[in-house]
């Protein structure tokens, strides 16, 4: 009976793992879609991403329910405990990150691509590219239990911060209308926060891989 319970428990852990990997994919894939929509005025992408957001919210509730049940019923230890605790911390980060992706896409509905200066377009594209790269790396770090990925992601986050500073200067140059500049100020902040969330997740993986938890 005990053996059957342990088998069922590890099946639950595998299911949790699969759901988390799915959430990583949603964030990285939709970030690319949102960036493309923003730069090319594709308002239809907003609906697709919004529908995915509803799925993510459902998955988050399901995961939190399963993880809390496993903590109560199985009293996991060692590697299993690290996984369930990491899941509880990482899933909200994933959900908040997809919220940011959705916010980026929403701006495609009221900012025309022609409203952006060529430099602003280039900087936003670069932020989207680096953000996507960071999220792919964060997903790999989780899957591979790569505790060293946090250092590399922190370096890429510095690049994202530099791009954020550059686009702030471009927006302050007066080359775009005030409403567009205000919108893009928010969008640039969303990209910056996405980088921060990717770094936070990579730091959580250090604990998952057997290291000490990163202080909040």
Protein backbone atom coordinates (compact mmCIF):
# COMPACT_ATOMS: atom_id res chain seq x y z
CA UNK A 1 0.00 0.00 0.00
CA UNK A 2 2.84 2.36 0.96
CA UNK A 3 4.60 1.57 -2.30
CA UNK A 4 1.45 2.34 -4.30
CA UNK A 5 1.11 5.69 -2.52
CA UNK A 6 4.71 6.56 -3.33
CA UNK A 7 4.20 5.64 -6.98
CA UNK A 8 1.09 7.82 -7.11
CA UNK A 9 2.99 10.62 -5.39
CA UNK A 10 5.80 10.57 -7.94
CA UNK A 11 3.28 10.48 -10.75
CA UNK A 12 1.81 13.66 -9.27
CA UNK A 13 5.28 15.20 -9.16
CA UNK A 14 5.80 14.35 -12.83
CA UNK A 15 2.47 15.97 -13.65
CA UNK A 16 3.49 19.10 -11.75
CA UNK A 17 6.76 19.18 -13.65
CA UNK A 18 4.94 18.91 -16.97
CA UNK A 19 2.54 21.73 -16.11
CA UNK A 20 5.38 24.03 -15.08
CA UNK A 21 7.25 23.38 -18.32
CA UNK A 22 4.00 24.18 -20.16
CA UNK A 23 3.78 27.52 -18.34
CA UNK A 24 7.36 28.37 -19.29
CA UNK A 25 6.47 27.70 -22.92
CA UNK A 26 3.41 29.94 -22.72
CA UNK A 27 5.48 32.87 -21.44
CA UNK A 28 8.34 32.56 -23.94
CA UNK A 29 6.11 31.85 -26.96
CA UNK A 30 3.62 34.60 -26.17
CA UNK A 31 6.39 37.13 -25.52
CA UNK A 32 7.53 36.69 -29.12
CA UNK A 33 3.92 37.04 -30.33
CA UNK A 34 3.35 40.16 -28.19
CA UNK A 35 6.52 41.84 -29.48
CA UNK A 36 5.58 41.10 -33.07
CA UNK A 37 2.06 42.42 -32.45
CA UNK A 38 3.38 45.60 -30.86
CA UNK A 39 5.79 46.39 -33.68
CA UNK A 40 3.40 45.51 -36.49
CA UNK A 41 0.05 46.58 -35.07
CA UNK A 42 -1.49 43.11 -34.90
CA UNK A 43 -4.42 43.65 -32.55
CA UNK A 44 -5.71 40.11 -33.15
CA UNK A 45 -2.82 38.71 -31.14
CA UNK A 46 -4.27 40.24 -27.98
CA UNK A 47 -7.26 37.90 -28.05
CA UNK A 48 -5.07 34.83 -28.47
CA UNK A 49 -2.81 35.83 -25.57
CA UNK A 50 -5.79 36.75 -23.37
CA UNK A 51 -7.30 33.32 -23.94
CA UNK A 52 -4.00 31.74 -22.96
CA UNK A 53 -3.98 33.87 -19.81
CA UNK A 54 -7.22 32.21 -18.73
CA UNK A 55 -5.59 28.79 -19.21
CA UNK A 56 -2.58 29.85 -17.16
CA UNK A 57 -4.76 31.08 -14.31
CA UNK A 58 -6.52 27.73 -14.27
CA UNK A 59 -3.25 25.80 -14.31
CA UNK A 60 -1.91 27.95 -11.47
CA UNK A 61 -4.92 27.17 -9.27
CA UNK A 62 -4.67 23.48 -10.12
CA UNK A 63 -0.95 23.33 -9.35
CA UNK A 64 -1.28 25.14 -6.06
CA UNK A 65 -4.06 22.76 -5.02
CA UNK A 66 -2.05 19.67 -5.95
CA UNK A 67 1.16 20.90 -4.33
CA UNK A 68 -0.54 21.87 -1.08
CA UNK A 69 -2.26 18.48 -0.98
CA UNK A 70 1.03 16.69 -1.50
CA UNK A 71 2.67 18.69 1.26
CA UNK A 72 -0.15 17.75 3.64
CA UNK A 73 -0.58 14.09 2.66
CA UNK A 74 2.90 12.91 1.74
CA UNK A 75 5.18 15.06 3.92
CA UNK A 76 7.87 14.99 1.20
CA UNK A 77 11.55 15.29 2.10
CA UNK A 78 14.86 15.95 0.35
CA UNK A 79 14.58 16.32 -3.44
CA UNK A 80 10.80 15.89 -3.47
CA UNK A 81 10.38 18.64 -0.88
CA UNK A 82 12.61 20.96 -2.88
CA UNK A 83 10.45 20.38 -5.95
CA UNK A 84 7.10 21.09 -4.33
CA UNK A 85 8.40 24.16 -2.48
CA UNK A 86 10.04 25.46 -5.66
CA UNK A 87 6.81 24.90 -7.58
CA UNK A 88 4.87 26.95 -5.03
CA UNK A 89 7.30 29.85 -5.47
CA UNK A 90 7.84 29.64 -9.22
CA UNK A 91 4.26 29.22 -10.47
CA UNK A 92 3.15 32.68 -9.24
CA UNK A 93 6.23 34.18 -10.95
CA UNK A 94 5.20 32.49 -14.19
CA UNK A 95 1.63 33.74 -13.88
CA UNK A 96 2.73 37.32 -13.18
CA UNK A 97 5.18 37.15 -16.08
CA UNK A 98 2.47 36.15 -18.51
CA UNK A 99 0.39 39.05 -17.20
CA UNK A 100 3.23 41.34 -18.32
CA UNK A 101 3.29 39.69 -21.75
CA UNK A 102 -0.44 40.30 -22.05
CA UNK A 103 0.04 43.97 -21.11
CA UNK A 104 2.64 44.34 -23.89
CA UNK A 105 0.23 42.84 -26.42
CA UNK A 106 -2.59 45.13 -25.27
CA UNK A 107 -0.60 48.17 -26.38
CA UNK A 108 -0.71 46.86 -29.95
CA UNK A 109 -4.38 47.87 -30.00
CA UNK A 110 -3.74 51.59 -29.66
CA UNK A 111 -0.19 52.26 -30.86
CA UNK A 112 0.46 52.16 -34.60
CA UNK A 113 3.84 50.90 -35.72
CA UNK A 114 4.32 54.13 -37.71
CA UNK A 115 4.01 56.11 -34.47
CA UNK A 116 7.35 54.71 -33.27
CA UNK A 117 10.68 56.16 -34.26
CA UNK A 118 13.03 53.73 -36.06
CA UNK A 119 15.34 53.71 -33.05
CA UNK A 120 12.47 52.97 -30.65
CA UNK A 121 11.37 50.10 -32.86
CA UNK A 122 14.87 48.68 -32.89
CA UNK A 123 15.27 48.96 -29.14
CA UNK A 124 11.90 47.33 -28.47
CA UNK A 125 12.72 44.51 -30.85
CA UNK A 126 16.03 43.99 -29.06
CA UNK A 127 14.32 43.97 -25.67
CA UNK A 128 11.87 41.39 -26.95
CA UNK A 129 14.69 39.24 -28.34
CA UNK A 130 16.73 39.33 -25.14
CA UNK A 131 13.63 38.76 -23.02
CA UNK A 132 12.74 35.71 -25.08
CA UNK A 133 16.29 34.41 -24.83
CA UNK A 134 16.25 34.85 -21.06
CA UNK A 135 12.96 33.01 -20.70
CA UNK A 136 14.18 30.12 -22.83
CA UNK A 137 17.28 29.93 -20.65
CA UNK A 138 15.19 30.03 -17.48
CA UNK A 139 13.05 27.17 -18.79
CA UNK A 140 16.17 25.13 -19.59
CA UNK A 141 17.54 25.88 -16.13
CA UNK A 142 14.39 24.52 -14.50
CA UNK A 143 14.28 21.43 -16.69
CA UNK A 144 17.99 20.65 -16.31
CA UNK A 145 18.25 21.75 -12.66
CA UNK A 146 21.02 24.11 -13.75
CA UNK A 147 21.91 26.15 -10.70
CA UNK A 148 24.62 28.03 -12.62
CA UNK A 149 22.12 29.65 -15.00
CA UNK A 150 21.30 32.45 -12.55
CA UNK A 151 24.69 34.13 -13.07
CA UNK A 152 24.33 34.09 -16.87
CA UNK A 153 20.78 35.43 -16.65
CA UNK A 154 21.84 38.23 -14.35
CA UNK A 155 24.35 39.31 -17.00
CA UNK A 156 21.68 39.29 -19.70
CA UNK A 157 19.39 41.21 -17.36
CA UNK A 158 22.06 43.91 -17.20
CA UNK A 159 21.86 44.11 -21.01
CA UNK A 160 18.09 44.46 -20.76
CA UNK A 161 18.47 47.22 -18.20
CA UNK A 162 20.84 49.06 -20.56
CA UNK A 163 18.29 48.81 -23.35
CA UNK A 164 15.64 50.12 -20.98
CA UNK A 165 17.79 53.17 -20.25
CA UNK A 166 18.39 53.68 -23.99
CA UNK A 167 14.71 53.60 -24.86
CA UNK A 168 13.90 55.99 -22.01
CA UNK A 169 16.34 58.45 -23.56
CA UNK A 170 14.76 57.95 -26.98
CA UNK A 171 11.27 58.50 -25.61
CA UNK A 172 12.42 61.69 -23.90
CA UNK A 173 13.87 63.04 -27.16
CA UNK A 174 10.50 64.33 -28.37
CA UNK A 175 10.55 62.33 -31.61
CA UNK A 176 7.22 60.71 -30.76
CA UNK A 177 3.94 62.09 -29.52
CA UNK A 178 3.39 62.30 -25.78
CA UNK A 179 0.67 59.56 -25.69
CA UNK A 180 2.94 57.17 -27.61
CA UNK A 181 5.90 57.99 -25.37
CA UNK A 182 3.79 57.33 -22.28
CA UNK A 183 2.59 53.99 -23.66
CA UNK A 184 6.11 52.91 -24.59
CA UNK A 185 7.39 53.90 -21.16
CA UNK A 186 5.04 51.31 -19.70
CA UNK A 187 5.93 48.71 -22.32
CA UNK A 188 9.66 49.14 -21.71
CA UNK A 189 9.02 48.65 -17.99
CA UNK A 190 7.12 45.44 -18.71
CA UNK A 191 10.09 44.05 -20.63
CA UNK A 192 12.43 45.03 -17.79
CA UNK A 193 10.21 43.28 -15.24
CA UNK A 194 10.08 40.15 -17.40
CA UNK A 195 13.85 40.02 -17.20
CA UNK A 196 13.70 40.37 -13.42
CA UNK A 197 11.22 37.50 -13.15
CA UNK A 198 13.43 35.25 -15.29
CA UNK A 199 16.36 35.97 -12.95
CA UNK A 200 14.19 35.31 -9.89
CA UNK A 201 13.20 31.93 -11.27
CA UNK A 202 16.80 31.01 -12.07
CA UNK A 203 17.71 31.84 -8.48
CA UNK A 204 14.96 29.51 -7.28
CA UNK A 205 16.49 26.77 -9.40
CA UNK A 206 19.68 27.06 -7.32
CA UNK A 207 17.64 25.74 -4.38
CA UNK A 208 15.93 23.12 -6.54
CA UNK A 209 19.37 21.91 -7.68
CA UNK A 210 20.46 21.39 -4.07
CA UNK A 211 21.87 24.77 -3.10
CA UNK A 212 20.80 27.25 -0.47
CA UNK A 213 17.63 29.27 -1.13
CA UNK A 214 18.21 32.79 -2.46
CA UNK A 215 17.12 35.49 0.04
CA UNK A 216 14.03 37.44 -1.07
